[in-house]
Amino acid sequence: MAARRTSVNWTAKLNNTKDLPKYFDSSNDKFSRKFGEGRFVIPAPLEVDALMRKVPKGKLTTINELRTALARKHKTDFACPITTGIFSWIAANAADEMARQGRKRITPYWRTIKSDGQINPKYPGGIEVIRGKLEAEGHTVIQKGKRFLVVDFQNKSIVPKPK
């Protein structure tokens, strides 16, 4: 008998603090060679969500800009790129879950793009839905190969200010 899949409660995942934030020092290991040396923070999922909520209509932010804001907030050299990306994905899915429940004010996850201007295809609705939302807000999206990029994203991008 096949195992039965249970549905994921994204809002619960978003609200699970996991005893975060946590602070670490990276030096001379595989992580530091890839992401840099120094003191870094692993943020809580709600911190990432709160920053994503601050991006107004017509503006964008990137995962790296979220990391910059988190590093400033926590007075560290950088924020973990892996968990920041994962938590933005959780925030996006929680927002989609809330929208399906009829909530009107949700995190505008479609305004958070990859650091090279690419739409994140793993966000709810995939490329088509996110592209539609971005174009409805005045952004131009083009396709380059298999990637979908927001034109001139650098001039529309902000680093959200943490509380």
N, C-alpha and C. Protein backbone atom coordinates (compact mmCIF):
# COMPACT_ATOMS: atom_id res chain seq x y z
N MET A 1 0.84 -1.17 0.00
CA MET A 1 0.00 0.00 0.00
C MET A 1 0.89 1.24 0.00
N ALA A 2 0.60 2.20 -0.88
CA ALA A 2 1.40 3.41 -1.00
C ALA A 2 1.14 4.33 0.20
N ALA A 3 2.19 5.01 0.61
CA ALA A 3 2.05 5.96 1.71
C ALA A 3 1.20 7.15 1.25
N ARG A 4 0.35 7.62 2.11
CA ARG A 4 -0.52 8.74 1.79
C ARG A 4 0.20 10.05 2.10
N ARG A 5 0.19 10.94 1.12
CA ARG A 5 0.84 12.24 1.32
C ARG A 5 -0.09 13.17 2.07
N THR A 6 0.44 13.84 3.03
CA THR A 6 -0.35 14.85 3.73
C THR A 6 -0.01 16.20 3.14
N SER A 7 -0.97 17.10 3.17
CA SER A 7 -0.70 18.42 2.61
C SER A 7 0.18 19.21 3.59
N VAL A 8 0.97 20.09 3.02
CA VAL A 8 1.89 20.89 3.81
C VAL A 8 1.14 22.11 4.33
N ASN A 9 1.34 22.43 5.58
CA ASN A 9 0.78 23.65 6.16
C ASN A 9 1.90 24.70 6.12
N TRP A 10 1.90 25.51 5.05
CA TRP A 10 2.96 26.48 4.84
C TRP A 10 2.96 27.58 5.90
N THR A 11 1.77 27.95 6.36
CA THR A 11 1.70 29.00 7.38
C THR A 11 2.35 28.51 8.67
N ALA A 12 2.15 27.26 9.00
CA ALA A 12 2.81 26.70 10.20
C ALA A 12 4.32 26.69 10.01
N LYS A 13 4.79 26.32 8.82
CA LYS A 13 6.24 26.34 8.55
C LYS A 13 6.79 27.76 8.69
N LEU A 14 6.04 28.73 8.19
CA LEU A 14 6.48 30.13 8.27
C LEU A 14 6.59 30.59 9.72
N ASN A 15 5.67 30.15 10.56
CA ASN A 15 5.64 30.59 11.95
C ASN A 15 6.53 29.77 12.88
N ASN A 16 7.15 28.72 12.37
CA ASN A 16 8.05 27.90 13.18
C ASN A 16 9.41 28.59 13.25
N THR A 17 9.73 29.13 14.41
CA THR A 17 10.97 29.91 14.55
C THR A 17 12.23 29.06 14.54
N LYS A 18 12.11 27.77 14.84
CA LYS A 18 13.27 26.87 14.85
C LYS A 18 14.41 27.41 15.73
N ASP A 19 14.07 28.16 16.77
CA ASP A 19 15.05 28.81 17.64
C ASP A 19 15.99 29.73 16.87
N LEU A 20 15.46 30.34 15.82
CA LEU A 20 16.24 31.27 15.00
C LEU A 20 15.86 32.70 15.37
N PRO A 21 16.71 33.65 15.15
CA PRO A 21 17.97 33.58 14.42
C PRO A 21 19.10 32.95 15.24
N LYS A 22 20.08 32.44 14.50
CA LYS A 22 21.29 31.89 15.10
C LYS A 22 22.49 32.50 14.39
N TYR A 23 23.58 32.58 15.11
CA TYR A 23 24.80 33.22 14.60
C TYR A 23 25.95 32.24 14.57
N PHE A 24 26.76 32.38 13.52
CA PHE A 24 27.91 31.49 13.34
C PHE A 24 29.07 32.28 12.77
N ASP A 25 30.26 31.70 12.92
CA ASP A 25 31.45 32.24 12.27
C ASP A 25 31.91 31.23 11.24
N SER A 26 32.16 31.72 10.03
CA SER A 26 32.68 30.82 9.00
C SER A 26 34.13 31.19 8.75
N SER A 27 34.95 30.19 8.75
CA SER A 27 36.36 30.43 8.42
C SER A 27 37.00 29.12 7.98
N ASN A 28 37.67 29.22 6.86
CA ASN A 28 38.46 28.09 6.35
C ASN A 28 37.70 26.77 6.25
N ASP A 29 36.49 26.80 5.79
CA ASP A 29 35.77 25.56 5.54
C ASP A 29 35.06 25.68 4.19
N LYS A 30 34.37 24.63 3.80
CA LYS A 30 33.71 24.60 2.51
C LYS A 30 32.70 25.74 2.38
N PHE A 31 31.96 26.02 3.45
CA PHE A 31 30.97 27.08 3.46
C PHE A 31 31.62 28.44 3.22
N SER A 32 32.73 28.70 3.91
CA SER A 32 33.39 30.00 3.78
C SER A 32 34.00 30.19 2.40
N ARG A 33 34.48 29.13 1.79
CA ARG A 33 35.03 29.25 0.44
C ARG A 33 33.94 29.62 -0.56
N LYS A 34 32.73 29.15 -0.33
CA LYS A 34 31.63 29.41 -1.26
C LYS A 34 30.94 30.75 -0.98
N PHE A 35 30.73 31.07 0.30
CA PHE A 35 29.91 32.23 0.65
C PHE A 35 30.66 33.37 1.34
N GLY A 36 31.88 33.14 1.75
CA GLY A 36 32.66 34.19 2.39
C GLY A 36 32.94 33.89 3.85
N GLU A 37 33.94 34.57 4.35
CA GLU A 37 34.32 34.39 5.75
C GLU A 37 33.71 35.48 6.60
N GLY A 38 33.53 35.17 7.87
CA GLY A 38 33.03 36.16 8.80
C GLY A 38 31.85 35.65 9.60
N ARG A 39 31.29 36.56 10.35
CA ARG A 39 30.13 36.24 11.19
C ARG A 39 28.88 36.31 10.31
N PHE A 40 28.02 35.28 10.42
CA PHE A 40 26.79 35.30 9.63
C PHE A 40 25.59 34.87 10.47
N VAL A 41 24.42 35.22 9.96
CA VAL A 41 23.16 34.92 10.64
C VAL A 41 22.34 33.94 9.80
N ILE A 42 21.69 33.02 10.49
CA ILE A 42 20.63 32.24 9.87
C ILE A 42 19.35 32.87 10.41
N PRO A 43 18.60 33.55 9.55
CA PRO A 43 17.42 34.28 10.02
C PRO A 43 16.25 33.34 10.30
N ALA A 44 15.24 33.89 10.96
CA ALA A 44 13.99 33.16 11.15
C ALA A 44 13.13 33.34 9.89
N PRO A 45 12.27 32.37 9.58
CA PRO A 45 11.42 32.50 8.40
C PRO A 45 10.57 33.77 8.40
N LEU A 46 10.04 34.15 9.57
CA LEU A 46 9.21 35.35 9.64
C LEU A 46 9.99 36.64 9.35
N GLU A 47 11.30 36.64 9.62
CA GLU A 47 12.11 37.81 9.29
C GLU A 47 12.20 38.00 7.78
N VAL A 48 12.38 36.91 7.06
CA VAL A 48 12.45 36.97 5.60
C VAL A 48 11.09 37.42 5.06
N ASP A 49 10.02 36.85 5.58
CA ASP A 49 8.67 37.23 5.17
C ASP A 49 8.41 38.71 5.42
N ALA A 50 8.82 39.21 6.58
CA ALA A 50 8.58 40.63 6.92
C ALA A 50 9.28 41.55 5.92
N LEU A 51 10.49 41.20 5.50
CA LEU A 51 11.20 42.01 4.51
C LEU A 51 10.50 41.94 3.15
N MET A 52 10.05 40.77 2.77
CA MET A 52 9.36 40.61 1.49
C MET A 52 8.08 41.44 1.46
N ARG A 53 7.43 41.57 2.59
CA ARG A 53 6.19 42.35 2.70
C ARG A 53 6.43 43.85 2.50
N LYS A 54 7.65 44.30 2.72
CA LYS A 54 7.96 45.73 2.62
C LYS A 54 8.21 46.22 1.20
N VAL A 55 8.20 45.33 0.23
CA VAL A 55 8.47 45.72 -1.15
C VAL A 55 7.17 46.24 -1.77
N PRO A 56 7.13 47.54 -2.08
CA PRO A 56 5.88 48.12 -2.60
C PRO A 56 5.63 47.78 -4.07
N LYS A 57 4.40 47.97 -4.48
CA LYS A 57 4.01 47.75 -5.87
C LYS A 57 4.90 48.58 -6.78
N GLY A 58 5.37 47.99 -7.87
CA GLY A 58 6.24 48.67 -8.82
C GLY A 58 7.72 48.51 -8.51
N LYS A 59 8.04 47.98 -7.32
CA LYS A 59 9.44 47.76 -6.94
C LYS A 59 9.71 46.26 -6.84
N LEU A 60 10.97 45.92 -6.73
CA LEU A 60 11.41 44.53 -6.63
C LEU A 60 12.49 44.43 -5.58
N THR A 61 12.78 43.22 -5.17
CA THR A 61 13.95 42.96 -4.36
C THR A 61 14.50 41.62 -4.80
N THR A 62 15.75 41.37 -4.45
CA THR A 62 16.38 40.10 -4.79
C THR A 62 16.73 39.37 -3.50
N ILE A 63 17.04 38.11 -3.64
CA ILE A 63 17.47 37.32 -2.48
C ILE A 63 18.71 37.96 -1.85
N ASN A 64 19.65 38.43 -2.67
CA ASN A 64 20.85 39.06 -2.11
C ASN A 64 20.53 40.36 -1.38
N GLU A 65 19.53 41.10 -1.85
CA GLU A 65 19.14 42.32 -1.14
C GLU A 65 18.46 41.98 0.19
N LEU A 66 17.71 40.90 0.23
CA LEU A 66 17.16 40.44 1.50
C LEU A 66 18.29 40.07 2.46
N ARG A 67 19.31 39.40 1.93
CA ARG A 67 20.46 39.01 2.74
C ARG A 67 21.20 40.24 3.29
N THR A 68 21.33 41.27 2.45
CA THR A 68 21.97 42.51 2.89
C THR A 68 21.20 43.12 4.05
N ALA A 69 19.88 43.19 3.93
CA ALA A 69 19.04 43.75 4.98
C ALA A 69 19.14 42.93 6.27
N LEU A 70 19.16 41.62 6.14
CA LEU A 70 19.27 40.76 7.31
C LEU A 70 20.63 40.91 8.00
N ALA A 71 21.68 41.02 7.22
CA ALA A 71 23.03 41.21 7.79
C ALA A 71 23.10 42.54 8.54
N ARG A 72 22.51 43.59 7.96
CA ARG A 72 22.49 44.89 8.65
C ARG A 72 21.72 44.79 9.96
N LYS A 73 20.55 44.18 9.90
CA LYS A 73 19.70 44.06 11.09
C LYS A 73 20.43 43.34 12.21
N HIS A 74 21.14 42.28 11.87
CA HIS A 74 21.80 41.45 12.88
C HIS A 74 23.26 41.83 13.12
N LYS A 75 23.72 42.87 12.42
CA LYS A 75 25.11 43.36 12.57
C LYS A 75 26.11 42.22 12.35
N THR A 76 25.91 41.51 11.23
CA THR A 76 26.81 40.43 10.84
C THR A 76 27.40 40.76 9.47
N ASP A 77 28.36 39.96 9.05
CA ASP A 77 28.99 40.17 7.75
C ASP A 77 28.07 39.77 6.60
N PHE A 78 27.26 38.74 6.82
CA PHE A 78 26.31 38.32 5.80
C PHE A 78 25.24 37.43 6.41
N ALA A 79 24.20 37.17 5.63
CA ALA A 79 23.14 36.25 6.03
C ALA A 79 23.26 35.00 5.17
N CYS A 80 22.93 33.88 5.72
CA CYS A 80 23.05 32.60 5.02
C CYS A 80 22.21 32.61 3.74
N PRO A 81 22.84 32.40 2.59
CA PRO A 81 22.10 32.42 1.33
C PRO A 81 21.16 31.23 1.17
N ILE A 82 21.52 30.11 1.74
CA ILE A 82 20.71 28.90 1.58
C ILE A 82 19.39 29.05 2.34
N THR A 83 19.47 29.39 3.62
CA THR A 83 18.23 29.50 4.40
C THR A 83 17.40 30.70 3.97
N THR A 84 18.04 31.79 3.56
CA THR A 84 17.27 32.95 3.09
C THR A 84 16.44 32.56 1.87
N GLY A 85 17.04 31.81 0.96
CA GLY A 85 16.31 31.34 -0.22
C GLY A 85 15.19 30.38 0.14
N ILE A 86 15.47 29.45 1.03
CA ILE A 86 14.44 28.49 1.46
C ILE A 86 13.29 29.21 2.16
N PHE A 87 13.63 30.17 3.03
CA PHE A 87 12.57 30.87 3.76
C PHE A 87 11.76 31.79 2.87
N SER A 88 12.36 32.32 1.80
CA SER A 88 11.56 33.11 0.85
C SER A 88 10.56 32.20 0.13
N TRP A 89 10.97 30.98 -0.16
CA TRP A 89 10.10 30.00 -0.79
C TRP A 89 8.96 29.61 0.15
N ILE A 90 9.27 29.42 1.43
CA ILE A 90 8.23 29.12 2.42
C ILE A 90 7.26 30.29 2.53
N ALA A 91 7.78 31.52 2.58
CA ALA A 91 6.92 32.71 2.66
C ALA A 91 6.01 32.80 1.43
N ALA A 92 6.54 32.49 0.27
CA ALA A 92 5.74 32.52 -0.96
C ALA A 92 4.62 31.49 -0.91
N ASN A 93 4.93 30.29 -0.48
CA ASN A 93 3.91 29.25 -0.40
C ASN A 93 2.88 29.54 0.69
N ALA A 94 3.31 30.13 1.80
CA ALA A 94 2.36 30.53 2.85
C ALA A 94 1.43 31.62 2.33
N ALA A 95 1.96 32.57 1.57
CA ALA A 95 1.13 33.63 0.99
C ALA A 95 0.10 33.04 0.03
N ASP A 96 0.53 32.11 -0.78
CA ASP A 96 -0.39 31.45 -1.72
C ASP A 96 -1.46 30.67 -0.95
N GLU A 97 -1.07 30.00 0.11
CA GLU A 97 -2.01 29.27 0.95
C GLU A 97 -3.05 30.23 1.55
N MET A 98 -2.60 31.37 2.04
CA MET A 98 -3.50 32.37 2.62
C MET A 98 -4.44 32.95 1.55
N ALA A 99 -3.93 33.18 0.36
CA ALA A 99 -4.76 33.69 -0.74
C ALA A 99 -5.87 32.69 -1.07
N ARG A 100 -5.54 31.41 -1.09
CA ARG A 100 -6.54 30.38 -1.38
C ARG A 100 -7.59 30.29 -0.28
N GLN A 101 -7.24 30.77 0.92
CA GLN A 101 -8.19 30.79 2.04
C GLN A 101 -9.02 32.08 2.05
N GLY A 102 -8.76 32.95 1.05
CA GLY A 102 -9.54 34.18 0.94
C GLY A 102 -8.91 35.42 1.53
N ARG A 103 -7.70 35.30 2.06
CA ARG A 103 -7.02 36.48 2.62
C ARG A 103 -6.61 37.41 1.48
N LYS A 104 -6.81 38.71 1.68
CA LYS A 104 -6.49 39.70 0.65
C LYS A 104 -5.07 40.26 0.79
N ARG A 105 -4.64 40.50 2.02
CA ARG A 105 -3.31 41.07 2.26
C ARG A 105 -2.32 39.95 2.51
N ILE A 106 -1.58 39.62 1.46
CA ILE A 106 -0.59 38.54 1.56
C ILE A 106 0.78 39.10 1.19
N THR A 107 1.80 38.35 1.49
CA THR A 107 3.17 38.72 1.11
C THR A 107 3.27 38.72 -0.41
N PRO A 108 3.71 39.84 -1.01
CA PRO A 108 3.85 39.91 -2.47
C PRO A 108 5.13 39.21 -2.95
N TYR A 109 5.11 37.91 -2.87
CA TYR A 109 6.29 37.09 -3.15
C TYR A 109 6.80 37.25 -4.57
N TRP A 110 5.94 37.58 -5.51
CA TRP A 110 6.34 37.73 -6.91
C TRP A 110 7.30 38.90 -7.09
N ARG A 111 7.39 39.79 -6.11
CA ARG A 111 8.32 40.94 -6.18
C ARG A 111 9.72 40.57 -5.71
N THR A 112 9.93 39.35 -5.22
CA THR A 112 11.25 38.88 -4.82
C THR A 112 11.75 37.96 -5.92
N ILE A 113 12.82 38.38 -6.57
CA ILE A 113 13.37 37.64 -7.70
C ILE A 113 14.78 37.16 -7.37
N LYS A 114 15.31 36.34 -8.23
CA LYS A 114 16.68 35.88 -8.04
C LYS A 114 17.64 37.04 -8.28
N SER A 115 18.85 36.90 -7.81
CA SER A 115 19.82 37.99 -7.83
C SER A 115 20.25 38.42 -9.23
N ASP A 116 19.99 37.58 -10.23
CA ASP A 116 20.32 37.96 -11.61
C ASP A 116 19.11 38.51 -12.37
N GLY A 117 18.00 38.76 -11.65
CA GLY A 117 16.80 39.29 -12.27
C GLY A 117 15.83 38.24 -12.75
N GLN A 118 16.14 37.00 -12.49
CA GLN A 118 15.32 35.89 -12.95
C GLN A 118 14.12 35.66 -12.04
N ILE A 119 12.98 35.37 -12.64
CA ILE A 119 11.80 34.96 -11.89
C ILE A 119 12.10 33.59 -11.27
N ASN A 120 11.66 33.40 -10.04
CA ASN A 120 11.87 32.10 -9.39
C ASN A 120 10.77 31.14 -9.81
N PRO A 121 11.08 30.15 -10.64
CA PRO A 121 10.05 29.22 -11.13
C PRO A 121 9.48 28.31 -10.05
N LYS A 122 10.13 28.26 -8.89
CA LYS A 122 9.65 27.40 -7.80
C LYS A 122 8.59 28.07 -6.94
N TYR A 123 8.37 29.38 -7.14
CA TYR A 123 7.32 30.06 -6.39
C TYR A 123 5.96 29.59 -6.88
N PRO A 124 4.93 29.69 -6.04
CA PRO A 124 3.59 29.21 -6.41
C PRO A 124 3.09 29.81 -7.74
N GLY A 125 2.50 28.95 -8.55
CA GLY A 125 1.98 29.40 -9.84
C GLY A 125 2.99 29.30 -10.95
N GLY A 126 4.26 29.20 -10.60
CA GLY A 126 5.31 29.10 -11.60
C GLY A 126 5.46 30.37 -12.42
N ILE A 127 6.18 30.24 -13.51
CA ILE A 127 6.53 31.38 -14.37
C ILE A 127 5.30 32.14 -14.84
N GLU A 128 4.29 31.43 -15.34
CA GLU A 128 3.12 32.10 -15.92
C GLU A 128 2.44 33.03 -14.93
N VAL A 129 2.16 32.55 -13.74
CA VAL A 129 1.45 33.35 -12.74
C VAL A 129 2.31 34.53 -12.29
N ILE A 130 3.57 34.26 -11.99
CA ILE A 130 4.45 35.33 -11.50
C ILE A 130 4.67 36.38 -12.58
N ARG A 131 4.88 35.94 -13.80
CA ARG A 131 5.06 36.87 -14.92
C ARG A 131 3.82 37.76 -15.05
N GLY A 132 2.64 37.18 -14.97
CA GLY A 132 1.40 37.95 -15.06
C GLY A 132 1.30 38.99 -13.96
N LYS A 133 1.65 38.62 -12.74
CA LYS A 133 1.59 39.57 -11.61
C LYS A 133 2.59 40.71 -11.80
N LEU A 134 3.80 40.37 -12.24
CA LEU A 134 4.83 41.40 -12.45
C LEU A 134 4.43 42.34 -13.59
N GLU A 135 3.95 41.80 -14.68
CA GLU A 135 3.54 42.63 -15.81
C GLU A 135 2.35 43.50 -15.45
N ALA A 136 1.45 43.01 -14.60
CA ALA A 136 0.31 43.81 -14.14
C ALA A 136 0.77 45.00 -13.30
N GLU A 137 1.97 44.89 -12.71
CA GLU A 137 2.52 45.98 -11.91
C GLU A 137 3.48 46.86 -12.72
N GLY A 138 3.54 46.64 -14.03
CA GLY A 138 4.33 47.51 -14.89
C GLY A 138 5.72 47.03 -15.25
N HIS A 139 6.09 45.84 -14.85
CA HIS A 139 7.40 45.30 -15.18
C HIS A 139 7.35 44.59 -16.53
N THR A 140 8.50 44.56 -17.20
CA THR A 140 8.61 43.83 -18.46
C THR A 140 9.43 42.57 -18.20
N VAL A 141 8.91 41.44 -18.66
CA VAL A 141 9.58 40.16 -18.48
C VAL A 141 9.91 39.61 -19.85
N ILE A 142 11.17 39.20 -20.02
CA ILE A 142 11.59 38.60 -21.29
C ILE A 142 12.11 37.19 -21.04
N GLN A 143 12.10 36.41 -22.09
CA GLN A 143 12.63 35.05 -21.99
C GLN A 143 13.98 35.00 -22.67
N LYS A 144 14.97 34.44 -21.97
CA LYS A 144 16.30 34.19 -22.54
C LYS A 144 16.59 32.72 -22.31
N GLY A 145 16.48 31.95 -23.37
CA GLY A 145 16.63 30.50 -23.22
C GLY A 145 15.48 29.98 -22.39
N LYS A 146 15.83 29.29 -21.31
CA LYS A 146 14.80 28.74 -20.42
C LYS A 146 14.47 29.68 -19.26
N ARG A 147 15.22 30.78 -19.18
CA ARG A 147 15.05 31.70 -18.05
C ARG A 147 14.13 32.86 -18.41
N PHE A 148 13.41 33.36 -17.42
CA PHE A 148 12.55 34.53 -17.58
C PHE A 148 13.10 35.62 -16.68
N LEU A 149 13.46 36.75 -17.29
CA LEU A 149 14.14 37.83 -16.58
C LEU A 149 13.30 39.10 -16.58
N VAL A 150 13.38 39.85 -15.47
CA VAL A 150 12.73 41.15 -15.39
C VAL A 150 13.69 42.17 -15.97
N VAL A 151 13.22 42.90 -16.99
CA VAL A 151 14.04 43.90 -17.66
C VAL A 151 14.30 45.06 -16.71
N ASP A 152 15.54 45.53 -16.68
CA ASP A 152 15.92 46.70 -15.90
C ASP A 152 15.61 46.55 -14.40
N PHE A 153 15.70 45.32 -13.90
CA PHE A 153 15.34 45.07 -12.51
C PHE A 153 16.22 45.85 -11.53
N GLN A 154 17.47 46.12 -11.92
CA GLN A 154 18.39 46.82 -11.02
C GLN A 154 17.87 48.21 -10.65
N ASN A 155 17.21 48.88 -11.59
CA ASN A 155 16.71 50.23 -11.33
C ASN A 155 15.37 50.26 -10.61
N LYS A 156 14.77 49.09 -10.40
CA LYS A 156 13.49 49.01 -9.70
C LYS A 156 13.63 48.26 -8.39
N SER A 157 14.85 47.88 -8.07
CA SER A 157 15.12 47.03 -6.93
C SER A 157 15.46 47.84 -5.69
N ILE A 158 15.00 47.35 -4.54
CA ILE A 158 15.28 48.02 -3.26
C ILE A 158 15.79 47.01 -2.25
N VAL A 159 16.51 47.52 -1.26
CA VAL A 159 16.88 46.72 -0.09
C VAL A 159 15.87 47.09 0.99
N PRO A 160 14.95 46.18 1.34
CA PRO A 160 13.93 46.52 2.33
C PRO A 160 14.58 46.86 3.67
N LYS A 161 13.98 47.79 4.39
CA LYS A 161 14.50 48.20 5.69
C LYS A 161 13.85 47.35 6.79
N PRO A 162 14.68 46.61 7.56
CA PRO A 162 14.12 45.82 8.66
C PRO A 162 13.68 46.72 9.81
N LYS A 163 12.80 46.18 10.64
CA LYS A 163 12.34 46.94 11.81
C LYS A 163 13.44 47.08 12.82
